[in-house]
Amino acid sequence: MTFILRIHRRLDGTVLLAICDKEVCGKKHVEGKLQIDASSTFYKGEEATEEEVKSLFHVATHLNLVGQKAIELAKSMGYVQRDKVVKISGVPYAECVIVRES
């Protein structure tokens, strides 16, 4: 399984992972007033395997997930609940904030 991964390191030390299924990355998905612009620079990253993505979850404070495979991976690791996933033009999308104990 291959994903497109972009790591956003913020000045405050938090890390946002933008994870997109390779098949839906580079496209804009619109449904009514909702849209996911997976063609924006926010999502443009490098190809990454499932194992590479999993290894970064432990440092992430935010996840931005686009596509069925990305959502399923995050769900399998306990980060996303099924009822928190939105579909836009049939493409699943979810965001997640990860709170870690100090």
Protein backbone atom coordinates (compact mmCIF):
# COMPACT_ATOMS: atom_id res chain seq x y z
CA MET A 1 0.00 0.00 0.00
CA THR A 2 1.43 3.38 -0.99
CA PHE A 3 0.43 6.76 0.41
CA ILE A 4 1.42 10.34 -0.27
CA LEU A 5 2.75 11.77 2.98
CA ARG A 6 3.59 15.33 3.88
CA ILE A 7 5.02 16.15 7.27
CA HIS A 8 4.22 19.62 8.57
CA ARG A 9 6.46 20.58 11.49
CA ARG A 10 5.11 23.62 13.25
CA LEU A 11 7.05 26.26 15.17
CA ASP A 12 5.41 25.18 18.43
CA GLY A 13 6.88 21.68 18.03
CA THR A 14 3.69 19.96 16.94
CA VAL A 15 3.69 17.67 13.92
CA LEU A 16 0.81 17.37 11.48
CA LEU A 17 0.79 14.43 9.09
CA ALA A 18 -1.15 14.89 5.85
CA ILE A 19 -1.75 11.34 4.60
CA CYS A 20 -3.49 10.77 1.31
CA ASP A 21 -4.21 7.63 -0.72
CA LYS A 22 -2.04 7.80 -3.82
CA GLU A 23 -5.11 7.36 -6.05
CA VAL A 24 -6.94 10.44 -4.75
CA CYS A 25 -3.96 12.73 -4.21
CA GLY A 26 -3.56 15.49 -6.76
CA LYS A 27 -7.31 15.88 -7.26
CA LYS A 28 -9.95 18.24 -5.96
CA HIS A 29 -13.08 16.57 -4.57
CA VAL A 30 -16.23 18.70 -4.30
CA GLU A 31 -19.73 17.93 -3.04
CA GLY A 32 -22.02 20.87 -2.46
CA LYS A 33 -20.28 23.31 -0.12
CA LEU A 34 -17.75 20.69 1.01
CA GLN A 35 -14.41 20.16 -0.68
CA ILE A 36 -11.07 18.47 -0.22
CA ASP A 37 -8.35 19.97 -2.36
CA ALA A 38 -5.88 17.09 -2.37
CA SER A 39 -4.06 18.86 -5.20
CA SER A 40 -2.91 21.69 -2.90
CA THR A 41 0.64 22.03 -1.62
CA PHE A 42 -0.67 20.99 1.81
CA TYR A 43 -0.89 17.39 0.55
CA LYS A 44 2.01 17.33 -1.93
CA GLY A 45 4.61 15.14 -0.33
CA GLU A 46 6.55 11.97 -0.88
CA GLU A 47 5.42 8.42 -1.46
CA ALA A 48 5.45 6.37 1.73
CA THR A 49 4.65 2.77 2.59
CA GLU A 50 2.20 1.69 5.26
CA GLU A 51 5.08 0.89 7.62
CA GLU A 52 6.69 4.30 7.08
CA VAL A 53 3.41 6.05 7.85
CA LYS A 54 2.75 3.90 10.93
CA SER A 55 6.21 4.70 12.29
CA LEU A 56 5.40 8.43 12.25
CA PHE A 57 2.08 8.21 14.09
CA HIS A 58 3.91 8.23 17.45
CA VAL A 59 5.30 11.76 16.83
CA ALA A 60 2.17 13.27 15.29
CA THR A 61 -0.08 15.65 17.15
CA HIS A 62 -2.51 16.05 14.23
CA LEU A 63 -3.60 13.76 11.38
CA ASN A 64 -5.27 14.87 8.18
CA LEU A 65 -6.43 11.80 6.25
CA VAL A 66 -7.84 11.53 2.74
CA GLY A 67 -8.88 8.25 1.12
CA GLN A 68 -10.17 4.85 2.20
CA LYS A 69 -6.75 3.27 2.80
CA ALA A 70 -5.47 6.19 4.90
CA ILE A 71 -8.66 6.14 6.99
CA GLU A 72 -8.53 2.37 7.47
CA LEU A 73 -4.90 2.54 8.58
CA ALA A 74 -5.68 5.22 11.18
CA LYS A 75 -8.77 3.30 12.34
CA SER A 76 -6.75 0.10 12.76
CA MET A 77 -4.40 1.98 15.08
CA GLY A 78 -7.25 3.48 17.12
CA TYR A 79 -6.94 7.08 15.91
CA VAL A 80 -10.21 7.43 13.98
CA GLN A 81 -13.73 6.26 14.74
CA ARG A 82 -16.05 5.24 11.91
CA ASP A 83 -18.70 7.82 12.84
CA LYS A 84 -16.15 10.65 12.57
CA VAL A 85 -15.41 10.07 8.87
CA VAL A 86 -16.97 12.40 6.28
CA LYS A 87 -17.31 11.45 2.63
CA ILE A 88 -16.96 14.13 -0.02
CA SER A 89 -17.74 12.93 -3.56
CA GLY A 90 -17.32 9.41 -2.20
CA VAL A 91 -13.82 10.12 -0.84
CA PRO A 92 -13.45 9.51 2.92
CA TYR A 93 -11.88 12.34 4.94
CA ALA A 94 -11.02 12.69 8.62
CA GLU A 95 -9.00 14.89 10.91
CA CYS A 96 -7.64 13.92 14.27
CA VAL A 97 -5.93 15.71 17.16
CA ILE A 98 -3.73 13.47 19.28
CA VAL A 99 -3.34 14.46 22.92
CA ARG A 100 -0.29 12.95 24.57
CA GLU A 101 0.41 12.87 28.26
CA SER A 102 3.51 14.77 29.35
